[in-house]
């Protein structure tokens, strides 16, 4: 009866495949990190330098 029982959780092959896909996606996105960081910093400092003029 144990051969008819469904396995608990994903198989080892699916776990390995998920890990490889996840690591591959992270490695593909890794070169974008410096660009995105610079873009975020530029936008942040640009927003701070713009002071709204007071309404009289």
PDB file of N, CA and C in Angstrom:
ATOM      1  N   UNK A   1       0.814  -1.190   0.000  1.00  0.00           N
ATOM      2  CA  UNK A   1       0.000   0.000   0.000  1.00  0.00           C
ATOM      3  C   UNK A   1       0.863   1.262   0.000  1.00  0.00           C
ATOM      4  N   UNK A   2       2.109   1.136   0.418  1.00  0.00           N
ATOM      5  CA  UNK A   2       2.967   2.311   0.456  1.00  0.00           C
ATOM      6  C   UNK A   2       3.350   2.774  -0.947  1.00  0.00           C
ATOM      7  N   UNK A   3       3.330   1.865  -1.958  1.00  0.00           N
ATOM      8  CA  UNK A   3       3.685   2.291  -3.300  1.00  0.00           C
ATOM      9  C   UNK A   3       2.600   3.161  -3.941  1.00  0.00           C
ATOM     10  N   UNK A   4       1.390   3.142  -3.416  1.00  0.00           N
ATOM     11  CA  UNK A   4       0.315   3.973  -3.943  1.00  0.00           C
ATOM     12  C   UNK A   4       0.254   5.338  -3.263  1.00  0.00           C
ATOM     13  N   UNK A   5       0.987   5.511  -2.181  1.00  0.00           N
ATOM     14  CA  UNK A   5       0.953   6.781  -1.461  1.00  0.00           C
ATOM     15  C   UNK A   5       1.705   7.845  -2.258  1.00  0.00           C
ATOM     16  N   UNK A   6       1.149   9.038  -2.270  1.00  0.00           N
ATOM     17  CA  UNK A   6       1.809  10.122  -2.998  1.00  0.00           C
ATOM     18  C   UNK A   6       3.004  10.618  -2.190  1.00  0.00           C
ATOM     19  N   UNK A   7       4.073  10.987  -2.870  1.00  0.00           N
ATOM     20  CA  UNK A   7       5.248  11.469  -2.136  1.00  0.00           C
ATOM     21  C   UNK A   7       4.956  12.811  -1.464  1.00  0.00           C
ATOM     22  N   UNK A   8       5.598  13.021  -0.347  1.00  0.00           N
ATOM     23  CA  UNK A   8       5.386  14.287   0.357  1.00  0.00           C
ATOM     24  C   UNK A   8       6.320  15.343  -0.218  1.00  0.00           C
ATOM     25  N   UNK A   9       5.757  16.366  -0.807  1.00  0.00           N
ATOM     26  CA  UNK A   9       6.558  17.441  -1.366  1.00  0.00           C
ATOM     27  C   UNK A   9       7.065  17.121  -2.756  1.00  0.00           C
ATOM     28  N   UNK A  10       7.769  18.073  -3.363  1.00  0.00           N
ATOM     29  CA  UNK A  10       8.308  17.872  -4.713  1.00  0.00           C
ATOM     30  C   UNK A  10       9.469  16.880  -4.714  1.00  0.00           C
ATOM     31  N   UNK A  11       9.678  16.277  -5.854  1.00  0.00           N
ATOM     32  CA  UNK A  11      10.764  15.305  -5.967  1.00  0.00           C
ATOM     33  C   UNK A  11      12.113  16.017  -5.956  1.00  0.00           C
ATOM     34  N   UNK A  12      13.167  15.224  -5.797  1.00  0.00           N
ATOM     35  CA  UNK A  12      14.524  15.779  -5.779  1.00  0.00           C
ATOM     36  C   UNK A  12      14.841  16.462  -7.112  1.00  0.00           C
ATOM     37  N   UNK A  13      14.408  15.855  -8.207  1.00  0.00           N
ATOM     38  CA  UNK A  13      14.660  16.442  -9.524  1.00  0.00           C
ATOM     39  C   UNK A  13      14.012  17.810  -9.675  1.00  0.00           C
ATOM     40  N   UNK A  14      12.778  17.935  -9.198  1.00  0.00           N
ATOM     41  CA  UNK A  14      12.094  19.229  -9.282  1.00  0.00           C
ATOM     42  C   UNK A  14      12.760  20.263  -8.388  1.00  0.00           C
ATOM     43  N   UNK A  15      13.251  19.834  -7.237  1.00  0.00           N
ATOM     44  CA  UNK A  15      13.955  20.770  -6.353  1.00  0.00           C
ATOM     45  C   UNK A  15      15.233  21.273  -7.013  1.00  0.00           C
ATOM     46  N   UNK A  16      15.978  20.366  -7.644  1.00  0.00           N
ATOM     47  CA  UNK A  16      17.219  20.755  -8.325  1.00  0.00           C
ATOM     48  C   UNK A  16      16.902  21.697  -9.484  1.00  0.00           C
ATOM     49  N   UNK A  17      15.860  21.364 -10.257  1.00  0.00           N
ATOM     50  CA  UNK A  17      15.478  22.204 -11.391  1.00  0.00           C
ATOM     51  C   UNK A  17      15.066  23.598 -10.928  1.00  0.00           C
ATOM     52  N   UNK A  18      14.285  23.677  -9.870  1.00  0.00           N
ATOM     53  CA  UNK A  18      13.881  24.983  -9.336  1.00  0.00           C
ATOM     54  C   UNK A  18      15.087  25.786  -8.868  1.00  0.00           C
ATOM     55  N   UNK A  19      16.040  25.115  -8.230  1.00  0.00           N
ATOM     56  CA  UNK A  19      17.240  25.803  -7.755  1.00  0.00           C
ATOM     57  C   UNK A  19      18.062  26.326  -8.922  1.00  0.00           C
ATOM     58  N   UNK A  20      18.229  25.514  -9.953  1.00  0.00           N
ATOM     59  CA  UNK A  20      19.015  25.928 -11.122  1.00  0.00           C
ATOM     60  C   UNK A  20      18.343  27.100 -11.836  1.00  0.00           C
ATOM     61  N   UNK A  21      17.031  27.046 -11.987  1.00  0.00           N
ATOM     62  CA  UNK A  21      16.312  28.141 -12.649  1.00  0.00           C
ATOM     63  C   UNK A  21      16.422  29.420 -11.822  1.00  0.00           C
ATOM     64  N   UNK A  22      16.282  29.304 -10.509  1.00  0.00           N
ATOM     65  CA  UNK A  22      16.397  30.474  -9.638  1.00  0.00           C
ATOM     66  C   UNK A  22      17.780  31.086  -9.679  1.00  0.00           C
ATOM     67  N   UNK A  23      18.812  30.249  -9.615  1.00  0.00           N
ATOM     68  CA  UNK A  23      20.186  30.762  -9.673  1.00  0.00           C
ATOM     69  C   UNK A  23      20.484  31.382 -11.036  1.00  0.00           C
ATOM     70  N   UNK A  24      19.979  30.770 -12.096  1.00  0.00           N
ATOM     71  CA  UNK A  24      20.181  31.321 -13.434  1.00  0.00           C
ATOM     72  C   UNK A  24      19.534  32.685 -13.588  1.00  0.00           C
ATOM     73  N   UNK A  25      18.330  32.841 -13.052  1.00  0.00           N
ATOM     74  CA  UNK A  25      17.655  34.140 -13.127  1.00  0.00           C
ATOM     75  C   UNK A  25      18.420  35.188 -12.334  1.00  0.00           C
ATOM     76  N   UNK A  26      18.937  34.809 -11.171  1.00  0.00           N
ATOM     77  CA  UNK A  26      19.708  35.757 -10.368  1.00  0.00           C
ATOM     78  C   UNK A  26      20.989  36.155 -11.093  1.00  0.00           C
ATOM     79  N   UNK A  27      21.654  35.209 -11.734  1.00  0.00           N
ATOM     80  CA  UNK A  27      22.887  35.523 -12.459  1.00  0.00           C
ATOM     81  C   UNK A  27      22.615  36.407 -13.672  1.00  0.00           C
ATOM     82  N   UNK A  28      21.453  36.218 -14.316  1.00  0.00           N
ATOM     83  CA  UNK A  28      21.118  37.069 -15.453  1.00  0.00           C
ATOM     84  C   UNK A  28      20.817  38.497 -15.007  1.00  0.00           C
ATOM     85  N   UNK A  29      20.230  38.658 -13.827  1.00  0.00           N
ATOM     86  CA  UNK A  29      19.875  39.990 -13.340  1.00  0.00           C
ATOM     87  C   UNK A  29      21.028  40.686 -12.632  1.00  0.00           C
ATOM     88  N   UNK A  30      22.073  39.943 -12.290  1.00  0.00           N
ATOM     89  CA  UNK A  30      23.192  40.514 -11.542  1.00  0.00           C
ATOM     90  C   UNK A  30      23.854  41.700 -12.250  1.00  0.00           C
ATOM     91  N   UNK A  31      24.080  41.668 -13.571  1.00  0.00           N
ATOM     92  CA  UNK A  31      24.698  42.837 -14.220  1.00  0.00           C
ATOM     93  C   UNK A  31      23.834  44.094 -14.172  1.00  0.00           C
ATOM     94  N   UNK A  32      22.543  43.963 -13.941  1.00  0.00           N
ATOM     95  CA  UNK A  32      21.666  45.129 -13.899  1.00  0.00           C
ATOM     96  C   UNK A  32      21.706  45.854 -12.559  1.00  0.00           C
ATOM     97  N   UNK A  33      22.263  45.225 -11.533  1.00  0.00           N
ATOM     98  CA  UNK A  33      22.235  45.804 -10.189  1.00  0.00           C
ATOM     99  C   UNK A  33      22.923  47.171 -10.132  1.00  0.00           C
ATOM    100  N   UNK A  34      24.146  47.347 -10.652  1.00  0.00           N
ATOM    101  CA  UNK A  34      24.766  48.683 -10.572  1.00  0.00           C
ATOM    102  C   UNK A  34      23.957  49.752 -11.304  1.00  0.00           C
ATOM    103  N   UNK A  35      23.413  49.416 -12.461  1.00  0.00           N
ATOM    104  CA  UNK A  35      22.613  50.377 -13.219  1.00  0.00           C
ATOM    105  C   UNK A  35      21.358  50.771 -12.447  1.00  0.00           C
ATOM    106  N   UNK A  36      20.666  49.788 -11.882  1.00  0.00           N
ATOM    107  CA  UNK A  36      19.454  50.087 -11.130  1.00  0.00           C
ATOM    108  C   UNK A  36      19.761  50.882  -9.872  1.00  0.00           C
ATOM    109  N   UNK A  37      20.894  50.591  -9.239  1.00  0.00           N
ATOM    110  CA  UNK A  37      21.292  51.337  -8.044  1.00  0.00           C
ATOM    111  C   UNK A  37      21.593  52.795  -8.394  1.00  0.00           C
ATOM    112  N   UNK A  38      22.321  53.009  -9.488  1.00  0.00           N
ATOM    113  CA  UNK A  38      22.613  54.382  -9.916  1.00  0.00           C
ATOM    114  C   UNK A  38      21.338  55.129 -10.302  1.00  0.00           C
ATOM    115  N   UNK A  39      20.425  54.442 -10.971  1.00  0.00           N
ATOM    116  CA  UNK A  39      19.162  55.063 -11.351  1.00  0.00           C
ATOM    117  C   UNK A  39      18.361  55.464 -10.119  1.00  0.00           C
ATOM    118  N   UNK A  40      18.340  54.589  -9.123  1.00  0.00           N
ATOM    119  CA  UNK A  40      17.621  54.883  -7.884  1.00  0.00           C
ATOM    120  C   UNK A  40      18.249  56.068  -7.155  1.00  0.00           C
ATOM    121  N   UNK A  41      19.591  56.096  -7.070  1.00  0.00           N
ATOM    122  CA  UNK A  41      20.267  57.202  -6.393  1.00  0.00           C
ATOM    123  C   UNK A  41      20.061  58.521  -7.138  1.00  0.00           C
ATOM    124  N   UNK A  42      20.146  58.481  -8.465  1.00  0.00           N
ATOM    125  CA  UNK A  42      19.955  59.693  -9.257  1.00  0.00           C
ATOM    126  C   UNK A  42      18.551  60.248  -9.049  1.00  0.00           C
ATOM    127  N   UNK A  43      17.555  59.386  -9.073  1.00  0.00           N
ATOM    128  CA  UNK A  43      16.181  59.826  -8.887  1.00  0.00           C
ATOM    129  C   UNK A  43      15.969  60.369  -7.480  1.00  0.00           C
ATOM    130  N   UNK A  44      16.591  59.737  -6.512  1.00  0.00           N
ATOM    131  CA  UNK A  44      16.437  60.176  -5.124  1.00  0.00           C
ATOM    132  C   UNK A  44      17.060  61.559  -4.910  1.00  0.00           C
ATOM    133  N   UNK A  45      18.286  61.757  -5.399  1.00  0.00           N
ATOM    134  CA  UNK A  45      18.946  63.050  -5.213  1.00  0.00           C
ATOM    135  C   UNK A  45      18.314  64.138  -6.077  1.00  0.00           C
ATOM    136  N   UNK A  46      17.806  63.760  -7.247  1.00  0.00           N
ATOM    137  CA  UNK A  46      17.123  64.728  -8.093  1.00  0.00           C
ATOM    138  C   UNK A  46      15.863  65.229  -7.391  1.00  0.00           C
ATOM    139  N   UNK A  47      15.165  64.346  -6.719  1.00  0.00           N
ATOM    140  CA  UNK A  47      13.958  64.739  -6.008  1.00  0.00           C
ATOM    141  C   UNK A  47      14.244  65.628  -4.818  1.00  0.00           C
ATOM    142  N   UNK A  48      15.388  65.425  -4.154  1.00  0.00           N
ATOM    143  CA  UNK A  48      15.726  66.247  -2.996  1.00  0.00           C
ATOM    144  C   UNK A  48      16.173  67.639  -3.413  1.00  0.00           C
ATOM    145  N   UNK A  49      16.798  67.769  -4.577  1.00  0.00           N
ATOM    146  CA  UNK A  49      17.318  69.071  -4.999  1.00  0.00           C
ATOM    147  C   UNK A  49      16.201  69.992  -5.480  1.00  0.00           C
ATOM    148  N   UNK A  50      15.090  69.423  -5.884  1.00  0.00           N
ATOM    149  CA  UNK A  50      13.970  70.239  -6.352  1.00  0.00           C
ATOM    150  C   UNK A  50      13.153  70.698  -5.149  1.00  0.00           C
ATOM    151  N   UNK A  51      13.320  71.964  -4.794  1.00  0.00           N
ATOM    152  CA  UNK A  51      12.545  72.498  -3.673  1.00  0.00           C
ATOM    153  C   UNK A  51      11.346  73.237  -4.235  1.00  0.00           C
ATOM    154  N   UNK A  52      10.184  72.937  -3.752  1.00  0.00           N
ATOM    155  CA  UNK A  52       9.004  73.631  -4.275  1.00  0.00           C
ATOM    156  C   UNK A  52       9.005  75.097  -3.843  1.00  0.00           C
ATOM    157  N   UNK A  53       8.588  75.958  -4.747  1.00  0.00           N
ATOM    158  CA  UNK A  53       8.553  77.382  -4.438  1.00  0.00           C
ATOM    159  C   UNK A  53       7.356  77.669  -3.543  1.00  0.00           C
ATOM    160  N   UNK A  54       7.563  78.499  -2.540  1.00  0.00           N
ATOM    161  CA  UNK A  54       6.439  78.799  -1.640  1.00  0.00           C
ATOM    162  C   UNK A  54       5.371  79.629  -2.343  1.00  0.00           C
ATOM    163  N   UNK A  55       4.140  79.317  -2.037  1.00  0.00           N
ATOM    164  CA  UNK A  55       3.021  80.070  -2.615  1.00  0.00           C
ATOM    165  C   UNK A  55       2.725  81.264  -1.721  1.00  0.00           C
ATOM    166  N   UNK A  56       2.832  82.464  -2.289  1.00  0.00           N
ATOM    167  CA  UNK A  56       2.580  83.677  -1.492  1.00  0.00           C
ATOM    168  C   UNK A  56       1.150  84.127  -1.654  1.00  0.00           C
TER     169      UNK A  56
END
